[in-house]
C-alpha atoms as a PDB file:
ATOM      1  CA  UNK A   1       8.013  14.899  -2.658  1.00  0.00           C
ATOM      2  CA  UNK A   2       9.378  17.755  -0.499  1.00  0.00           C
ATOM      3  CA  UNK A   3       7.380  18.471   2.680  1.00  0.00           C
ATOM      4  CA  UNK A   4       5.456  15.193   2.482  1.00  0.00           C
ATOM      5  CA  UNK A   5       6.276  12.497   5.022  1.00  0.00           C
ATOM      6  CA  UNK A   6       7.474   9.290   3.424  1.00  0.00           C
ATOM      7  CA  UNK A   7       6.166   6.647   5.768  1.00  0.00           C
ATOM      8  CA  UNK A   8       8.076   3.709   4.379  1.00  0.00           C
ATOM      9  CA  UNK A   9      11.244   5.582   5.370  1.00  0.00           C
ATOM     10  CA  UNK A  10       9.903   5.498   8.947  1.00  0.00           C
ATOM     11  CA  UNK A  11       9.256   1.773   8.677  1.00  0.00           C
ATOM     12  CA  UNK A  12      12.754   1.164   7.326  1.00  0.00           C
ATOM     13  CA  UNK A  13      14.349   3.120  10.194  1.00  0.00           C
ATOM     14  CA  UNK A  14      12.387   1.118  12.758  1.00  0.00           C
ATOM     15  CA  UNK A  15      13.186  -2.213  11.116  1.00  0.00           C
ATOM     16  CA  UNK A  16      16.878  -1.406  10.799  1.00  0.00           C
ATOM     17  CA  UNK A  17      17.069  -0.238  14.407  1.00  0.00           C
ATOM     18  CA  UNK A  18      15.446  -3.525  15.448  1.00  0.00           C
ATOM     19  CA  UNK A  19      17.964  -5.490  13.353  1.00  0.00           C
ATOM     20  CA  UNK A  20      20.933  -3.754  14.981  1.00  0.00           C
ATOM     21  CA  UNK A  21      19.617  -4.026  18.555  1.00  0.00           C
ATOM     22  CA  UNK A  22      18.783  -7.708  18.056  1.00  0.00           C
ATOM     23  CA  UNK A  23      22.266  -8.349  16.657  1.00  0.00           C
ATOM     24  CA  UNK A  24      24.062  -6.710  19.580  1.00  0.00           C
ATOM     25  CA  UNK A  25      21.862  -8.477  22.118  1.00  0.00           C
ATOM     26  CA  UNK A  26      22.610 -11.847  20.568  1.00  0.00           C
ATOM     27  CA  UNK A  27      26.342 -11.187  20.192  1.00  0.00           C
ATOM     28  CA  UNK A  28      26.590 -10.188  23.855  1.00  0.00           C
ATOM     29  CA  UNK A  29      25.160 -13.590  24.791  1.00  0.00           C
ATOM     30  CA  UNK A  30      28.156 -15.124  23.004  1.00  0.00           C
ATOM     31  CA  UNK A  31      30.664 -12.705  24.553  1.00  0.00           C
ATOM     32  CA  UNK A  32      29.380 -13.499  28.059  1.00  0.00           C
ATOM     33  CA  UNK A  33      29.410 -17.287  27.372  1.00  0.00           C
ATOM     34  CA  UNK A  34      25.678 -17.547  27.919  1.00  0.00           C
ATOM     35  CA  UNK A  35      25.171 -19.311  24.583  1.00  0.00           C
ATOM     36  CA  UNK A  36      27.739 -20.694  22.109  1.00  0.00           C
ATOM     37  CA  UNK A  37      28.264 -18.853  18.821  1.00  0.00           C
ATOM     38  CA  UNK A  38      27.134 -21.842  16.732  1.00  0.00           C
ATOM     39  CA  UNK A  39      23.684 -21.569  18.343  1.00  0.00           C
ATOM     40  CA  UNK A  40      23.446 -17.778  18.106  1.00  0.00           C
ATOM     41  CA  UNK A  41      24.904 -16.674  14.766  1.00  0.00           C
ATOM     42  CA  UNK A  42      22.400 -18.591  12.555  1.00  0.00           C
ATOM     43  CA  UNK A  43      19.615 -16.614  14.250  1.00  0.00           C
ATOM     44  CA  UNK A  44      20.648 -13.324  12.632  1.00  0.00           C
ATOM     45  CA  UNK A  45      22.896 -14.157   9.697  1.00  0.00           C
ATOM     46  CA  UNK A  46      23.395 -16.331   6.656  1.00  0.00           C
ATOM     47  CA  UNK A  47      26.738 -17.216   5.030  1.00  0.00           C
ATOM     48  CA  UNK A  48      26.283 -14.144   2.798  1.00  0.00           C
ATOM     49  CA  UNK A  49      24.699 -11.387   4.880  1.00  0.00           C
ATOM     50  CA  UNK A  50      23.475 -10.496   8.375  1.00  0.00           C
ATOM     51  CA  UNK A  51      20.508  -8.439   9.498  1.00  0.00           C
ATOM     52  CA  UNK A  52      22.847  -5.977  11.232  1.00  0.00           C
ATOM     53  CA  UNK A  53      24.999  -5.190   8.181  1.00  0.00           C
ATOM     54  CA  UNK A  54      21.827  -4.879   6.101  1.00  0.00           C
ATOM     55  CA  UNK A  55      20.331  -2.481   8.648  1.00  0.00           C
ATOM     56  CA  UNK A  56      23.423  -0.254   8.707  1.00  0.00           C
ATOM     57  CA  UNK A  57      23.561  -0.088   4.897  1.00  0.00           C
ATOM     58  CA  UNK A  58      19.889   0.911   4.720  1.00  0.00           C
ATOM     59  CA  UNK A  59      20.496   3.567   7.390  1.00  0.00           C
ATOM     60  CA  UNK A  60      23.161   5.196   5.223  1.00  0.00           C
ATOM     61  CA  UNK A  61      20.837   5.140   2.219  1.00  0.00           C
ATOM     62  CA  UNK A  62      18.077   6.704   4.310  1.00  0.00           C
ATOM     63  CA  UNK A  63      20.493   9.394   5.541  1.00  0.00           C
ATOM     64  CA  UNK A  64      21.353  10.334   1.967  1.00  0.00           C
ATOM     65  CA  UNK A  65      17.710  10.288   0.936  1.00  0.00           C
ATOM     66  CA  UNK A  66      16.549  12.300   3.948  1.00  0.00           C
ATOM     67  CA  UNK A  67      19.122  15.072   3.473  1.00  0.00           C
ATOM     68  CA  UNK A  68      18.364  15.261  -0.240  1.00  0.00           C
ATOM     69  CA  UNK A  69      14.650  15.727   0.400  1.00  0.00           C
ATOM     70  CA  UNK A  70      15.114  18.278   3.191  1.00  0.00           C
ATOM     71  CA  UNK A  71      17.588  20.302   1.109  1.00  0.00           C
ATOM     72  CA  UNK A  72      15.906  19.982  -2.273  1.00  0.00           C
ATOM     73  CA  UNK A  73      15.457  23.740  -2.750  1.00  0.00           C
ATOM     74  CA  UNK A  74      17.286  26.210  -0.540  1.00  0.00           C
ATOM     75  CA  UNK A  75      20.638  25.295   0.960  1.00  0.00           C
ATOM     76  CA  UNK A  76      22.499  27.336   3.553  1.00  0.00           C
ATOM     77  CA  UNK A  77      25.918  25.879   4.335  1.00  0.00           C
ATOM     78  CA  UNK A  78      26.175  27.453   7.792  1.00  0.00           C
ATOM     79  CA  UNK A  79      22.662  26.364   8.789  1.00  0.00           C
ATOM     80  CA  UNK A  80      23.305  22.863   7.477  1.00  0.00           C
ATOM     81  CA  UNK A  81      26.423  22.303   9.593  1.00  0.00           C
ATOM     82  CA  UNK A  82      24.842  23.891  12.669  1.00  0.00           C
ATOM     83  CA  UNK A  83      21.816  21.622  12.397  1.00  0.00           C
ATOM     84  CA  UNK A  84      23.993  18.524  11.926  1.00  0.00           C
ATOM     85  CA  UNK A  85      26.025  19.493  14.990  1.00  0.00           C
ATOM     86  CA  UNK A  86      22.905  19.961  17.112  1.00  0.00           C
ATOM     87  CA  UNK A  87      21.122  16.807  15.962  1.00  0.00           C
ATOM     88  CA  UNK A  88      24.058  14.423  15.543  1.00  0.00           C
ATOM     89  CA  UNK A  89      26.904  15.387  17.895  1.00  0.00           C
ATOM     90  CA  UNK A  90      25.092  17.051  20.810  1.00  0.00           C
ATOM     91  CA  UNK A  91      23.104  13.827  21.542  1.00  0.00           C
ATOM     92  CA  UNK A  92      26.450  11.987  21.570  1.00  0.00           C
ATOM     93  CA  UNK A  93      27.773  14.400  24.210  1.00  0.00           C
ATOM     94  CA  UNK A  94      24.668  13.898  26.360  1.00  0.00           C
ATOM     95  CA  UNK A  95      24.918  10.105  26.020  1.00  0.00           C
ATOM     96  CA  UNK A  96      28.600  10.191  26.965  1.00  0.00           C
ATOM     97  CA  UNK A  97      27.864  12.250  30.082  1.00  0.00           C
ATOM     98  CA  UNK A  98      25.289   9.684  31.245  1.00  0.00           C
ATOM     99  CA  UNK A  99      27.749   6.892  30.437  1.00  0.00           C
ATOM    100  CA  UNK A 100      30.533   8.532  32.466  1.00  0.00           C
ATOM    101  CA  UNK A 101      28.203   9.028  35.431  1.00  0.00           C
ATOM    102  CA  UNK A 102      27.094   5.378  35.242  1.00  0.00           C
ATOM    103  CA  UNK A 103      30.687   4.124  35.103  1.00  0.00           C
ATOM    104  CA  UNK A 104      31.701   6.257  38.060  1.00  0.00           C
ATOM    105  CA  UNK A 105      28.665   5.328  40.165  1.00  0.00           C
ATOM    106  CA  UNK A 106      28.804   1.560  39.594  1.00  0.00           C
ATOM    107  CA  UNK A 107      32.458   0.837  38.816  1.00  0.00           C
ATOM    108  CA  UNK A 108      34.350   3.793  40.286  1.00  0.00           C
ATOM    109  CA  UNK A 109      35.875   4.640  36.886  1.00  0.00           C
ATOM    110  CA  UNK A 110      36.840   8.311  36.696  1.00  0.00           C
ATOM    111  CA  UNK A 111      36.542   9.135  33.001  1.00  0.00           C
ATOM    112  CA  UNK A 112      37.299  12.806  33.589  1.00  0.00           C
ATOM    113  CA  UNK A 113      40.960  11.935  34.136  1.00  0.00           C
ATOM    114  CA  UNK A 114      40.964   9.830  30.984  1.00  0.00           C
ATOM    115  CA  UNK A 115      39.463  12.667  28.943  1.00  0.00           C
ATOM    116  CA  UNK A 116      41.945  15.295  30.081  1.00  0.00           C
ATOM    117  CA  UNK A 117      44.233  15.006  27.040  1.00  0.00           C
ATOM    118  CA  UNK A 118      44.371  16.172  23.430  1.00  0.00           C
ATOM    119  CA  UNK A 119      42.805  12.940  22.139  1.00  0.00           C
ATOM    120  CA  UNK A 120      39.461  14.115  23.508  1.00  0.00           C
ATOM    121  CA  UNK A 121      39.085  16.144  20.306  1.00  0.00           C
ATOM    122  CA  UNK A 122      38.293  12.884  18.480  1.00  0.00           C
ATOM    123  CA  UNK A 123      35.481  12.209  20.954  1.00  0.00           C
ATOM    124  CA  UNK A 124      34.113  15.728  20.479  1.00  0.00           C
ATOM    125  CA  UNK A 125      34.095  15.208  16.711  1.00  0.00           C
ATOM    126  CA  UNK A 126      32.472  11.780  17.000  1.00  0.00           C
ATOM    127  CA  UNK A 127      35.461  10.161  15.308  1.00  0.00           C
ATOM    128  CA  UNK A 128      37.079   8.343  18.240  1.00  0.00           C
ATOM    129  CA  UNK A 129      35.720   4.827  17.704  1.00  0.00           C
ATOM    130  CA  UNK A 130      36.135   5.018  13.935  1.00  0.00           C
ATOM    131  CA  UNK A 131      39.754   6.129  14.340  1.00  0.00           C
ATOM    132  CA  UNK A 132      40.412   3.381  16.894  1.00  0.00           C
ATOM    133  CA  UNK A 133      39.093   0.712  14.558  1.00  0.00           C
ATOM    134  CA  UNK A 134      41.463   2.029  11.913  1.00  0.00           C
ATOM    135  CA  UNK A 135      44.523   1.588  14.115  1.00  0.00           C
ATOM    136  CA  UNK A 136      44.683   4.758  16.239  1.00  0.00           C
ATOM    137  CA  UNK A 137      45.545   4.148  19.896  1.00  0.00           C
ATOM    138  CA  UNK A 138      42.570   5.910  21.485  1.00  0.00           C
ATOM    139  CA  UNK A 139      40.506   5.343  24.613  1.00  0.00           C
ATOM    140  CA  UNK A 140      36.835   5.535  23.674  1.00  0.00           C
ATOM    141  CA  UNK A 141      33.449   4.911  25.257  1.00  0.00           C
ATOM    142  CA  UNK A 142      32.310   3.069  22.123  1.00  0.00           C
ATOM    143  CA  UNK A 143      29.199   5.243  21.813  1.00  0.00           C
ATOM    144  CA  UNK A 144      28.207   5.585  18.175  1.00  0.00           C
ATOM    145  CA  UNK A 145      30.776   2.955  17.195  1.00  0.00           C
ATOM    146  CA  UNK A 146      32.491   3.275  13.817  1.00  0.00           C
ATOM    147  CA  UNK A 147      29.120   4.198  12.299  1.00  0.00           C
ATOM    148  CA  UNK A 148      29.116   7.660  13.879  1.00  0.00           C
ATOM    149  CA  UNK A 149      32.595   8.582  12.636  1.00  0.00           C
ATOM    150  CA  UNK A 150      31.755   7.578   9.081  1.00  0.00           C
ATOM    151  CA  UNK A 151      28.457   9.473   9.249  1.00  0.00           C
ATOM    152  CA  UNK A 152      30.148  12.649  10.493  1.00  0.00           C
ATOM    153  CA  UNK A 153      32.713  12.576   7.672  1.00  0.00           C
ATOM    154  CA  UNK A 154      29.994  11.983   5.077  1.00  0.00           C
ATOM    155  CA  UNK A 155      27.945  14.891   6.453  1.00  0.00           C
ATOM    156  CA  UNK A 156      31.013  17.112   6.133  1.00  0.00           C
ATOM    157  CA  UNK A 157      31.278  16.033   2.494  1.00  0.00           C
ATOM    158  CA  UNK A 158      27.531  16.293   1.803  1.00  0.00           C
ATOM    159  CA  UNK A 159      27.581  19.810   0.270  1.00  0.00           C
ATOM    160  CA  UNK A 160      30.106  18.559  -2.302  1.00  0.00           C
ATOM    161  CA  UNK A 161      27.985  15.482  -3.013  1.00  0.00           C
ATOM    162  CA  UNK A 162      24.868  17.642  -3.319  1.00  0.00           C
ATOM    163  CA  UNK A 163      26.541  19.949  -5.841  1.00  0.00           C
ATOM    164  CA  UNK A 164      27.763  17.036  -7.962  1.00  0.00           C
ATOM    165  CA  UNK A 165      24.407  15.225  -7.861  1.00  0.00           C
ATOM    166  CA  UNK A 166      22.587  18.384  -8.992  1.00  0.00           C
ATOM    167  CA  UNK A 167      25.179  19.567 -11.506  1.00  0.00           C
ATOM    168  CA  UNK A 168      26.443  16.304 -13.032  1.00  0.00           C
ATOM    169  CA  UNK A 169      23.938  13.613 -11.960  1.00  0.00           C
ATOM    170  CA  UNK A 170      24.793  10.876 -14.460  1.00  0.00           C
ATOM    171  CA  UNK A 171      28.535  11.472 -14.568  1.00  0.00           C
ATOM    172  CA  UNK A 172      28.837  11.641 -10.794  1.00  0.00           C
ATOM    173  CA  UNK A 173      26.884   8.411 -10.302  1.00  0.00           C
ATOM    174  CA  UNK A 174      29.023   6.635 -12.890  1.00  0.00           C
ATOM    175  CA  UNK A 175      32.253   7.863 -11.280  1.00  0.00           C
ATOM    176  CA  UNK A 176      31.056   7.062  -7.733  1.00  0.00           C
ATOM    177  CA  UNK A 177      30.023   3.551  -8.790  1.00  0.00           C
ATOM    178  CA  UNK A 178      33.345   2.951 -10.529  1.00  0.00           C
ATOM    179  CA  UNK A 179      35.298   4.104  -7.478  1.00  0.00           C
ATOM    180  CA  UNK A 180      33.153   1.942  -5.190  1.00  0.00           C
ATOM    181  CA  UNK A 181      33.588  -1.210  -7.270  1.00  0.00           C
ATOM    182  CA  UNK A 182      37.339  -0.654  -7.660  1.00  0.00           C
ATOM    183  CA  UNK A 183      37.707  -0.009  -3.928  1.00  0.00           C
ATOM    184  CA  UNK A 184      35.829  -3.027  -2.588  1.00  0.00           C
ATOM    185  CA  UNK A 185      37.479  -5.468  -4.991  1.00  0.00           C
ATOM    186  CA  UNK A 186      40.961  -4.172  -4.168  1.00  0.00           C
ATOM    187  CA  UNK A 187      40.520  -3.871  -0.402  1.00  0.00           C
ATOM    188  CA  UNK A 188      42.994  -6.188   1.316  1.00  0.00           C
ATOM    189  CA  UNK A 189      43.035  -5.144   4.994  1.00  0.00           C
ATOM    190  CA  UNK A 190      41.549  -7.635   7.441  1.00  0.00           C
ATOM    191  CA  UNK A 191      40.340  -4.961   9.901  1.00  0.00           C
ATOM    192  CA  UNK A 192      37.971  -3.269   9.700  1.00  0.00           C
ATOM    193  CA  UNK A 193      35.858  -5.237   7.199  1.00  0.00           C
ATOM    194  CA  UNK A 194      35.401  -3.435   3.894  1.00  0.00           C
ATOM    195  CA  UNK A 195      31.673  -2.865   4.498  1.00  0.00           C
ATOM    196  CA  UNK A 196      32.547  -0.809   7.595  1.00  0.00           C
ATOM    197  CA  UNK A 197      34.788   1.647   5.749  1.00  0.00           C
ATOM    198  CA  UNK A 198      34.128   5.209   4.625  1.00  0.00           C
ATOM    199  CA  UNK A 199      34.194   4.647   0.819  1.00  0.00           C
ATOM    200  CA  UNK A 200      31.695   1.770   1.011  1.00  0.00           C
ATOM    201  CA  UNK A 201      29.258   3.637   3.254  1.00  0.00           C
ATOM    202  CA  UNK A 202      29.674   6.895   1.324  1.00  0.00           C
ATOM    203  CA  UNK A 203      28.556   5.100  -1.827  1.00  0.00           C
ATOM    204  CA  UNK A 204      25.424   3.787  -0.074  1.00  0.00           C
ATOM    205  CA  UNK A 205      24.739   7.332   1.125  1.00  0.00           C
ATOM    206  CA  UNK A 206      25.068   8.585  -2.468  1.00  0.00           C
ATOM    207  CA  UNK A 207      22.717   5.822  -3.665  1.00  0.00           C
ATOM    208  CA  UNK A 208      20.193   7.132  -1.114  1.00  0.00           C
ATOM    209  CA  UNK A 209      20.577  10.646  -2.526  1.00  0.00           C
ATOM    210  CA  UNK A 210      19.726   9.377  -6.001  1.00  0.00           C
ATOM    211  CA  UNK A 211      16.789   7.339  -4.730  1.00  0.00           C
ATOM    212  CA  UNK A 212      15.278  10.480  -3.166  1.00  0.00           C
ATOM    213  CA  UNK A 213      15.991  12.622  -6.203  1.00  0.00           C
ATOM    214  CA  UNK A 214      14.703  10.248  -8.888  1.00  0.00           C
ATOM    215  CA  UNK A 215      12.993   7.179  -7.427  1.00  0.00           C
ATOM    216  CA  UNK A 216      10.767   7.911  -4.426  1.00  0.00           C
ATOM    217  CA  UNK A 217       8.169   5.692  -6.103  1.00  0.00           C
ATOM    218  CA  UNK A 218       9.432   2.583  -7.837  1.00  0.00           C
ATOM    219  CA  UNK A 219       7.714   0.886 -10.802  1.00  0.00           C
ATOM    220  CA  UNK A 220       5.585  -2.036  -9.594  1.00  0.00           C
ATOM    221  CA  UNK A 221       7.417  -4.352 -11.978  1.00  0.00           C
ATOM    222  CA  UNK A 222      10.539  -3.980  -9.826  1.00  0.00           C
ATOM    223  CA  UNK A 223       8.687  -5.950  -7.157  1.00  0.00           C
ATOM    224  CA  UNK A 224       9.260  -9.046  -9.283  1.00  0.00           C
ATOM    225  CA  UNK A 225      12.995  -8.560  -8.780  1.00  0.00           C
ATOM    226  CA  UNK A 226      13.363  -6.927  -5.356  1.00  0.00           C
ATOM    227  CA  UNK A 227      11.252  -9.305  -3.270  1.00  0.00           C
ATOM    228  CA  UNK A 228      12.794 -12.539  -4.687  1.00  0.00           C
ATOM    229  CA  UNK A 229      16.300 -11.094  -4.232  1.00  0.00           C
ATOM    230  CA  UNK A 230      15.643 -10.189  -0.577  1.00  0.00           C
ATOM    231  CA  UNK A 231      14.019 -13.573   0.059  1.00  0.00           C
ATOM    232  CA  UNK A 232      16.995 -15.333  -1.520  1.00  0.00           C
ATOM    233  CA  UNK A 233      19.535 -13.478   0.640  1.00  0.00           C
ATOM    234  CA  UNK A 234      17.480 -14.167   3.794  1.00  0.00           C
ATOM    235  CA  UNK A 235      16.903 -17.859   3.109  1.00  0.00           C
ATOM    236  CA  UNK A 236      19.988 -19.015   1.221  1.00  0.00           C
ATOM    237  CA  UNK A 237      22.281 -21.182   3.376  1.00  0.00           C
ATOM    238  CA  UNK A 238      25.145 -21.574   0.917  1.00  0.00           C
ATOM    239  CA  UNK A 239      28.006 -19.092   0.411  1.00  0.00           C
ATOM    240  CA  UNK A 240      27.818 -17.327  -2.944  1.00  0.00           C
ATOM    241  CA  UNK A 241      31.526 -16.489  -3.048  1.00  0.00           C
ATOM    242  CA  UNK A 242      30.791 -12.853  -3.956  1.00  0.00           C
ATOM    243  CA  UNK A 243      32.273  -9.708  -2.429  1.00  0.00           C
ATOM    244  CA  UNK A 244      30.556  -9.223   0.939  1.00  0.00           C
ATOM    245  CA  UNK A 245      30.213  -5.436   0.644  1.00  0.00           C
ATOM    246  CA  UNK A 246      28.682  -5.731  -2.808  1.00  0.00           C
ATOM    247  CA  UNK A 247      26.051  -8.179  -1.530  1.00  0.00           C
ATOM    248  CA  UNK A 248      25.223  -5.913   1.421  1.00  0.00           C
ATOM    249  CA  UNK A 249      24.767  -2.843  -0.781  1.00  0.00           C
ATOM    250  CA  UNK A 250      22.705  -4.746  -3.359  1.00  0.00           C
ATOM    251  CA  UNK A 251      20.493  -6.362  -0.735  1.00  0.00           C
ATOM    252  CA  UNK A 252      19.995  -3.018   1.042  1.00  0.00           C
ATOM    253  CA  UNK A 253      18.881  -1.394  -2.226  1.00  0.00           C
ATOM    254  CA  UNK A 254      16.390  -4.165  -3.009  1.00  0.00           C
ATOM    255  CA  UNK A 255      15.161  -4.143   0.597  1.00  0.00           C
ATOM    256  CA  UNK A 256      14.374  -0.411   0.307  1.00  0.00           C
ATOM    257  CA  UNK A 257      12.558  -1.065  -2.978  1.00  0.00           C
ATOM    258  CA  UNK A 258      10.538  -3.943  -1.489  1.00  0.00           C
ATOM    259  CA  UNK A 259       9.420  -1.976   1.579  1.00  0.00           C
ATOM    260  CA  UNK A 260       8.489   1.050  -0.566  1.00  0.00           C
ATOM    261  CA  UNK A 261       5.445  -0.815  -1.912  1.00  0.00           C
ATOM    262  CA  UNK A 262       3.883  -0.619   1.554  1.00  0.00           C
ATOM    263  CA  UNK A 263       3.636   3.179   1.310  1.00  0.00           C
ATOM    264  CA  UNK A 264      -0.071   3.333   0.265  1.00  0.00           C
ATOM    265  CA  UNK A 265      -1.067   1.110   3.209  1.00  0.00           C
ATOM    266  CA  UNK A 266       1.110   3.042   5.661  1.00  0.00           C
ATOM    267  CA  UNK A 267      -0.466   6.313   4.488  1.00  0.00           C
ATOM    268  CA  UNK A 268      -3.968   4.956   5.109  1.00  0.00           C
ATOM    269  CA  UNK A 269      -3.311   4.004   8.730  1.00  0.00           C
ATOM    270  CA  UNK A 270      -0.954   7.003   9.346  1.00  0.00           C
ATOM    271  CA  UNK A 271       0.980   4.919  11.922  1.00  0.00           C
ATOM    272  CA  UNK A 272       1.694   7.422  14.712  1.00  0.00           C
ATOM    273  CA  UNK A 273       3.579   4.804  16.692  1.00  0.00           C
ATOM    274  CA  UNK A 274       5.786   4.144  13.672  1.00  0.00           C
ATOM    275  CA  UNK A 275       6.521   7.862  13.308  1.00  0.00           C
ATOM    276  CA  UNK A 276       7.375   8.103  16.998  1.00  0.00           C
ATOM    277  CA  UNK A 277       9.744   5.115  16.895  1.00  0.00           C
ATOM    278  CA  UNK A 278      11.367   6.470  13.754  1.00  0.00           C
ATOM    279  CA  UNK A 279      11.853   9.825  15.471  1.00  0.00           C
ATOM    280  CA  UNK A 280      13.832   8.296  18.351  1.00  0.00           C
ATOM    281  CA  UNK A 281      15.747   5.727  16.252  1.00  0.00           C
ATOM    282  CA  UNK A 282      19.031   7.673  16.311  1.00  0.00           C
ATOM    283  CA  UNK A 283      18.851   8.121  20.083  1.00  0.00           C
ATOM    284  CA  UNK A 284      18.074   4.417  20.478  1.00  0.00           C
ATOM    285  CA  UNK A 285      21.125   3.657  18.367  1.00  0.00           C
ATOM    286  CA  UNK A 286      23.331   5.800  20.649  1.00  0.00           C
ATOM    287  CA  UNK A 287      22.056   4.238  23.891  1.00  0.00           C
ATOM    288  CA  UNK A 288      21.444   0.589  23.040  1.00  0.00           C
ATOM    289  CA  UNK A 289      25.081  -0.461  22.916  1.00  0.00           C
ATOM    290  CA  UNK A 290      25.857   0.987  26.350  1.00  0.00           C
ATOM    291  CA  UNK A 291      22.732  -0.552  27.887  1.00  0.00           C
ATOM    292  CA  UNK A 292      23.329  -4.017  26.415  1.00  0.00           C
ATOM    293  CA  UNK A 293      27.015  -4.158  27.289  1.00  0.00           C
ATOM    294  CA  UNK A 294      26.330  -2.882  30.816  1.00  0.00           C
ATOM    295  CA  UNK A 295      23.263  -4.936  31.757  1.00  0.00           C
ATOM    296  CA  UNK A 296      24.115  -8.347  30.293  1.00  0.00           C
ATOM    297  CA  UNK A 297      27.146  -8.989  32.566  1.00  0.00           C
ATOM    298  CA  UNK A 298      25.119  -7.832  35.593  1.00  0.00           C
ATOM    299  CA  UNK A 299      22.194 -10.134  34.732  1.00  0.00           C
ATOM    300  CA  UNK A 300      24.310 -13.123  33.680  1.00  0.00           C
ATOM    301  CA  UNK A 301      24.061 -14.959  37.059  1.00  0.00           C
ATOM    302  CA  UNK A 302      20.268 -14.865  36.793  1.00  0.00           C
ATOM    303  CA  UNK A 303      20.031 -16.258  33.248  1.00  0.00           C
ATOM    304  CA  UNK A 304      19.519 -20.011  33.358  1.00  0.00           C
ATOM    305  CA  UNK A 305      17.118 -20.577  30.469  1.00  0.00           C
ATOM    306  CA  UNK A 306      15.455 -18.913  27.465  1.00  0.00           C
ATOM    307  CA  UNK A 307      12.918 -17.190  29.703  1.00  0.00           C
ATOM    308  CA  UNK A 308      15.815 -15.467  31.471  1.00  0.00           C
ATOM    309  CA  UNK A 309      17.154 -14.289  28.111  1.00  0.00           C
ATOM    310  CA  UNK A 310      13.750 -12.901  27.142  1.00  0.00           C
ATOM    311  CA  UNK A 311      13.496 -11.115  30.489  1.00  0.00           C
ATOM    312  CA  UNK A 312      16.972  -9.657  29.963  1.00  0.00           C
ATOM    313  CA  UNK A 313      16.006  -8.435  26.493  1.00  0.00           C
ATOM    314  CA  UNK A 314      12.806  -6.864  27.850  1.00  0.00           C
ATOM    315  CA  UNK A 315      14.737  -4.989  30.555  1.00  0.00           C
ATOM    316  CA  UNK A 316      17.392  -3.816  28.101  1.00  0.00           C
ATOM    317  CA  UNK A 317      14.790  -2.625  25.612  1.00  0.00           C
ATOM    318  CA  UNK A 318      12.889  -0.735  28.311  1.00  0.00           C
ATOM    319  CA  UNK A 319      16.039   0.990  29.593  1.00  0.00           C
ATOM    320  CA  UNK A 320      17.233   1.730  26.036  1.00  0.00           C
ATOM    321  CA  UNK A 321      13.982   3.372  24.971  1.00  0.00           C
ATOM    322  CA  UNK A 322      13.619   5.302  28.236  1.00  0.00           C
ATOM    323  CA  UNK A 323      17.206   6.584  27.899  1.00  0.00           C
ATOM    324  CA  UNK A 324      16.631   7.481  24.255  1.00  0.00           C
ATOM    325  CA  UNK A 325      13.542   9.538  25.068  1.00  0.00           C
ATOM    326  CA  UNK A 326      15.366  11.370  27.879  1.00  0.00           C
ATOM    327  CA  UNK A 327      18.310  12.187  25.594  1.00  0.00           C
ATOM    328  CA  UNK A 328      15.962  13.334  22.832  1.00  0.00           C
ATOM    329  CA  UNK A 329      14.098  15.589  25.272  1.00  0.00           C
ATOM    330  CA  UNK A 330      17.323  17.132  26.580  1.00  0.00           C
ATOM    331  CA  UNK A 331      18.617  17.586  23.054  1.00  0.00           C
ATOM    332  CA  UNK A 332      15.323  19.221  22.087  1.00  0.00           C
ATOM    333  CA  UNK A 333      15.758  21.763  24.867  1.00  0.00           C
ATOM    334  CA  UNK A 334      19.245  22.603  23.628  1.00  0.00           C
ATOM    335  CA  UNK A 335      18.052  22.957  20.024  1.00  0.00           C
ATOM    336  CA  UNK A 336      15.176  25.184  21.169  1.00  0.00           C
ATOM    337  CA  UNK A 337      17.576  27.285  23.226  1.00  0.00           C
ATOM    338  CA  UNK A 338      19.888  27.787  20.255  1.00  0.00           C
ATOM    339  CA  UNK A 339      16.879  28.731  18.119  1.00  0.00           C
ATOM    340  CA  UNK A 340      15.772  31.387  20.620  1.00  0.00           C
ATOM    341  CA  UNK A 341      19.334  32.693  20.840  1.00  0.00           C
ATOM    342  CA  UNK A 342      19.473  33.077  17.061  1.00  0.00           C
ATOM    343  CA  UNK A 343      16.115  34.875  16.996  1.00  0.00           C
ATOM    344  CA  UNK A 344      17.291  37.217  19.743  1.00  0.00           C
ATOM    345  CA  UNK A 345      20.391  38.177  17.774  1.00  0.00           C
ATOM    346  CA  UNK A 346      18.279  38.907  14.700  1.00  0.00           C
ATOM    347  CA  UNK A 347      16.037  41.261  16.678  1.00  0.00           C
ATOM    348  CA  UNK A 348      19.066  43.166  17.960  1.00  0.00           C
ATOM    349  CA  UNK A 349      20.160  44.088  14.457  1.00  0.00           C
ATOM    350  CA  UNK A 350      19.499  47.786  13.657  1.00  0.00           C
ATOM    351  CA  UNK A 351      16.794  48.553  11.129  1.00  0.00           C
ATOM    352  CA  UNK A 352      17.972  49.733   7.729  1.00  0.00           C
END
């Protein structure tokens, strides 16, 4: 389905962004002692899965699917990496600049001094928070979290994945699945959790590649499996005793399948708002964490009831979306400038 917009992908991005924002808002209420964890955690998780981990897993599947569709025919390695740099890392740089200005203006923290060392290379590569969570002693802003580092590494590996999917589709899937299962059942480290590690997320990315290549439209009979499975994971209050990463990946797959059946209805209404929200979802992801962790402590003295919490959430959402649109606009100007620069260089080439 190259060139055709898949609207249920947009819906999934928006839903998953909402899951992650909601999770971080609720967790910050616990961190700031506004509400106890026993009152908050049941609102976004069950003993087997949480909305946030589900949302992240679906995001990785969508990333694999999106790249597979956009690179289904021609593939230029140089253009691929340039585009990933401009659309993934440049927004991170812009977000960090705003974050540093905010910290200096309100807290007097001079991040320029902190950044003046060789470790800044990890920040420039988007790997700082991922490396820190894996034991490296790094000072990070936390923007992008571990998610960004894993995504960057997977994008670096994507050309290899693409070749293997196209050249050896069945063998590669069998090998990738075997490696994934062996890895998650033999993972023994307490931190980070297995579902936050590169091998687990890379497998979900590869699953997304296969979904885009072979299963954009799912047989309607699968609805009889996917919807009950998702309902069971959302409603079940008893621990299943299964590997957590395996449940997250399985639930994410069935969630994608379930939402896919809405495609005909989404195509009829065209959903411009949905397309817009999907288009800024990555920028929202970059900004929401900073906004939530900055505003909640400031607003804490004014939160005395549930109405105060709702007001806090409304303010944080407004600031997050406004920041995301500003960062997207600035990033768009940079991308456009690079495009004009490339066109100018082409015109300067002598005619043959």
